[in-house]
Amino acid sequence: MKGILILFAAALPAVSPAYDKAFEKTPPGKLEVKTVPERTVIVAEMDGRYFDENNDLFMHLFRYIKKNEVSMTVPVKAEIDPAKMYFYVGEKDLNKELKDSEHVRVMVEPAQEVLSLGIRGGYSEKNFEQARKKLFDHLNTSRDWKMRGPAYAVYWNGPYVPGIFKQFEVHIPIERVGKTEKKE
């Protein structure tokens, strides 16, 4: 019984709605097409791949939001190569005058359609690559969608949530096959 209580207590941060959500989560095991809305983001980047060694991307973003009193939101977006990490700016902070700093850029990320796969597990390169392969396999058989950009990770939980309780997604930006531009 004690073990079950410990597991339950450890899972609470994984399900607690403590932060504003930039968009809805894709449930683990589900593959879906969804639209990620236009959002203001802060981004830190570095040379090299995201999974190479311990990068300082999170700390650059964390220091920026603390200094500028920006609320934490979920999820966190991570591009893999080159390494970039994005925090979404919450609704109540959109009117703040946020400026670029030495390590962080502020930008508006346009809305985009993505193929999303929800995953439960640790935020490892192996788990990312397995999910990315499933998405590629799905797109290779799709008559409706084609890839429009590289895959990236979307992390929903903080570093202190045990790996078995963490949830993340892998997204691939997509567009409809045969999409035509509107004539004016």
Protein backbone atom coordinates (compact mmCIF):
# COMPACT_ATOMS: atom_id res chain seq x y z
CA MET A 1 0.00 0.00 0.00
CA LYS A 2 2.84 2.39 0.86
CA GLY A 3 4.34 1.89 -2.63
CA ILE A 4 1.03 2.77 -4.27
CA LEU A 5 0.77 5.99 -2.23
CA ILE A 6 4.31 6.99 -3.24
CA LEU A 7 3.51 6.36 -6.93
CA PHE A 8 0.26 8.35 -6.60
CA ALA A 9 2.06 11.27 -4.94
CA ALA A 10 4.76 11.26 -7.63
CA ALA A 11 2.09 11.32 -10.35
CA LEU A 12 0.31 14.41 -9.00
CA PRO A 13 2.63 16.91 -10.71
CA ALA A 14 2.06 15.05 -13.98
CA VAL A 15 -1.70 15.64 -13.86
CA SER A 16 -1.92 18.89 -11.93
CA PRO A 17 -3.11 21.86 -14.03
CA ALA A 18 -0.64 24.24 -12.34
CA TYR A 19 0.32 26.11 -15.52
CA ASP A 20 -1.50 27.71 -18.45
CA LYS A 21 -1.56 25.46 -21.52
CA ALA A 22 -0.53 26.86 -24.91
CA PHE A 23 -2.66 24.16 -26.61
CA GLU A 24 -4.27 20.82 -25.84
CA LYS A 25 -2.17 17.74 -25.15
CA THR A 26 -2.21 14.73 -27.46
CA PRO A 27 -2.94 11.74 -25.18
CA PRO A 28 -0.29 9.00 -24.96
CA GLY A 29 -0.62 6.48 -27.78
CA LYS A 30 -2.82 8.75 -29.91
CA LEU A 31 -1.81 9.95 -33.38
CA GLU A 32 -3.65 13.08 -34.54
CA VAL A 33 -3.57 16.04 -36.86
CA LYS A 34 -3.99 19.26 -34.91
CA THR A 35 -3.44 22.98 -35.26
CA VAL A 36 -0.94 24.59 -32.91
CA PRO A 37 -2.21 28.17 -32.57
CA GLU A 38 -0.18 31.32 -33.22
CA ARG A 39 1.67 32.16 -30.01
CA THR A 40 4.29 34.53 -28.67
CA VAL A 41 7.31 32.50 -27.60
CA ILE A 42 10.68 33.06 -26.03
CA VAL A 43 13.45 30.95 -27.51
CA ALA A 44 17.00 30.02 -26.57
CA GLU A 45 19.33 28.28 -29.01
CA MET A 46 22.78 26.75 -29.18
CA ASP A 47 25.05 25.01 -31.63
CA GLY A 48 24.80 21.24 -31.69
CA ARG A 49 22.00 18.79 -31.14
CA TYR A 50 19.44 19.06 -28.35
CA PHE A 51 20.36 15.72 -26.80
CA ASP A 52 24.14 16.37 -26.81
CA GLU A 53 25.43 16.70 -23.25
CA ASN A 54 23.66 18.94 -20.77
CA ASN A 55 22.58 22.13 -22.50
CA ASP A 56 21.78 25.46 -20.82
CA LEU A 57 18.69 26.22 -22.88
CA PHE A 58 16.23 25.65 -20.04
CA MET A 59 18.24 27.79 -17.61
CA HIS A 60 18.51 30.69 -20.10
CA LEU A 61 14.73 30.63 -20.50
CA PHE A 62 14.07 30.16 -16.79
CA ARG A 63 16.28 33.14 -15.88
CA TYR A 64 14.53 35.27 -18.51
CA ILE A 65 11.02 34.48 -17.27
CA LYS A 66 12.06 35.03 -13.66
CA LYS A 67 13.72 38.39 -14.42
CA ASN A 68 10.77 39.56 -16.56
CA GLU A 69 8.10 38.07 -14.27
CA VAL A 70 6.60 35.94 -17.04
CA SER A 71 4.36 33.06 -15.92
CA MET A 72 5.45 29.50 -16.66
CA THR A 73 3.32 27.70 -19.24
CA VAL A 74 3.21 24.22 -20.69
CA PRO A 75 4.36 22.67 -22.89
CA VAL A 76 7.99 23.42 -23.69
CA LYS A 77 8.98 22.96 -27.33
CA ALA A 78 12.41 21.59 -28.30
CA GLU A 79 13.90 21.58 -31.78
CA ILE A 80 16.59 18.94 -32.10
CA ASP A 81 19.23 20.00 -34.64
CA PRO A 82 20.25 22.73 -34.12
CA ALA A 83 19.13 22.82 -30.50
CA LYS A 84 16.39 25.32 -29.62
CA MET A 85 14.00 25.47 -26.70
CA TYR A 86 10.81 27.52 -26.64
CA PHE A 87 8.59 28.67 -23.78
CA TYR A 88 5.12 29.85 -24.73
CA VAL A 89 4.13 33.22 -23.25
CA GLY A 90 0.90 32.93 -21.26
CA GLU A 91 -2.23 34.92 -22.07
CA LYS A 92 -1.86 37.28 -19.10
CA ASP A 93 1.70 38.23 -20.12
CA LEU A 94 1.05 38.95 -23.81
CA ASN A 95 0.75 42.69 -23.17
CA LYS A 96 4.13 42.92 -21.45
CA GLU A 97 6.91 44.57 -23.39
CA LEU A 98 9.26 41.60 -23.67
CA LYS A 99 12.58 42.29 -25.35
CA ASP A 100 15.38 40.09 -26.64
CA SER A 101 18.26 39.47 -24.25
CA GLU A 102 21.76 38.10 -24.70
CA HIS A 103 20.54 34.47 -24.71
CA VAL A 104 16.80 34.72 -25.47
CA ARG A 105 14.79 35.96 -28.46
CA VAL A 106 11.11 36.95 -28.35
CA MET A 107 9.07 36.10 -31.43
CA VAL A 108 5.60 35.25 -32.69
CA GLU A 109 5.34 31.72 -33.95
CA PRO A 110 2.64 31.37 -36.62
CA ALA A 111 -0.15 28.80 -36.37
CA GLN A 112 0.67 25.49 -38.03
CA GLU A 113 -0.86 22.11 -38.63
CA VAL A 114 1.12 19.21 -37.21
CA LEU A 115 0.95 15.45 -37.10
CA SER A 116 1.26 14.69 -33.39
CA LEU A 117 1.99 11.49 -31.50
CA GLY A 118 1.44 11.45 -27.73
CA ILE A 119 4.00 9.47 -25.69
CA ARG A 120 4.41 8.48 -22.05
CA GLY A 121 8.01 8.06 -20.85
CA GLY A 122 11.31 9.79 -20.28
CA TYR A 123 12.55 12.64 -22.43
CA SER A 124 15.33 10.68 -24.11
CA GLU A 125 16.74 10.74 -27.61
CA LYS A 126 15.74 7.07 -28.01
CA ASN A 127 12.08 7.80 -27.15
CA PHE A 128 12.08 10.85 -29.44
CA GLU A 129 13.53 8.85 -32.35
CA GLN A 130 11.01 6.01 -31.90
CA ALA A 131 8.11 8.45 -31.98
CA ARG A 132 9.56 10.33 -34.96
CA LYS A 133 9.88 7.06 -36.90
CA LYS A 134 6.20 6.24 -36.25
CA LEU A 135 5.22 9.67 -37.56
CA PHE A 136 7.44 9.28 -40.66
CA ASP A 137 5.96 5.82 -41.31
CA HIS A 138 2.45 7.27 -41.07
CA LEU A 139 3.25 10.16 -43.41
CA ASN A 140 4.86 7.80 -45.95
CA THR A 141 1.50 6.05 -46.34
CA SER A 142 -0.68 9.18 -46.23
CA ARG A 143 -2.42 10.40 -49.35
CA ASP A 144 -3.61 13.56 -47.58
CA TRP A 145 -0.56 15.03 -45.83
CA LYS A 146 3.09 15.73 -46.52
CA MET A 147 5.89 16.90 -44.27
CA ARG A 148 6.55 20.65 -44.20
CA GLY A 149 9.37 20.79 -41.66
CA PRO A 150 11.52 18.77 -39.27
CA ALA A 151 10.15 16.86 -36.28
CA TYR A 152 10.38 18.48 -32.84
CA ALA A 153 9.54 17.50 -29.26
CA VAL A 154 6.86 18.97 -27.00
CA TYR A 155 7.45 18.33 -23.28
CA TRP A 156 4.58 18.59 -20.78
CA ASN A 157 6.22 17.82 -17.43
CA GLY A 158 9.00 19.30 -15.34
CA PRO A 159 12.32 17.62 -14.56
CA TYR A 160 11.22 16.22 -11.18
CA VAL A 161 8.39 14.09 -12.57
CA PRO A 162 9.57 10.45 -12.82
CA GLY A 163 10.04 9.23 -16.40
CA ILE A 164 7.19 6.72 -16.25
CA PHE A 165 4.76 9.57 -15.51
CA LYS A 166 6.11 12.08 -18.04
CA GLN A 167 4.14 12.88 -21.17
CA PHE A 168 5.46 14.35 -24.36
CA GLU A 169 4.60 14.62 -28.01
CA VAL A 170 6.56 14.58 -31.20
CA HIS A 171 5.22 16.91 -33.90
CA ILE A 172 5.95 17.06 -37.60
CA PRO A 173 4.70 20.20 -39.37
CA ILE A 174 2.47 19.13 -42.28
CA GLU A 175 0.44 20.47 -45.17
CA ARG A 176 -2.25 18.95 -47.35
CA VAL A 177 -1.06 17.15 -50.46
CA GLY A 178 -1.94 19.20 -53.54
CA LYS A 179 -2.50 22.36 -51.49
CA THR A 180 -2.95 25.28 -53.83
CA GLU A 181 -2.50 28.96 -53.19
CA LYS A 182 -5.61 31.14 -53.27
CA LYS A 183 -5.76 33.52 -56.21
CA GLU A 184 -6.76 37.10 -55.53
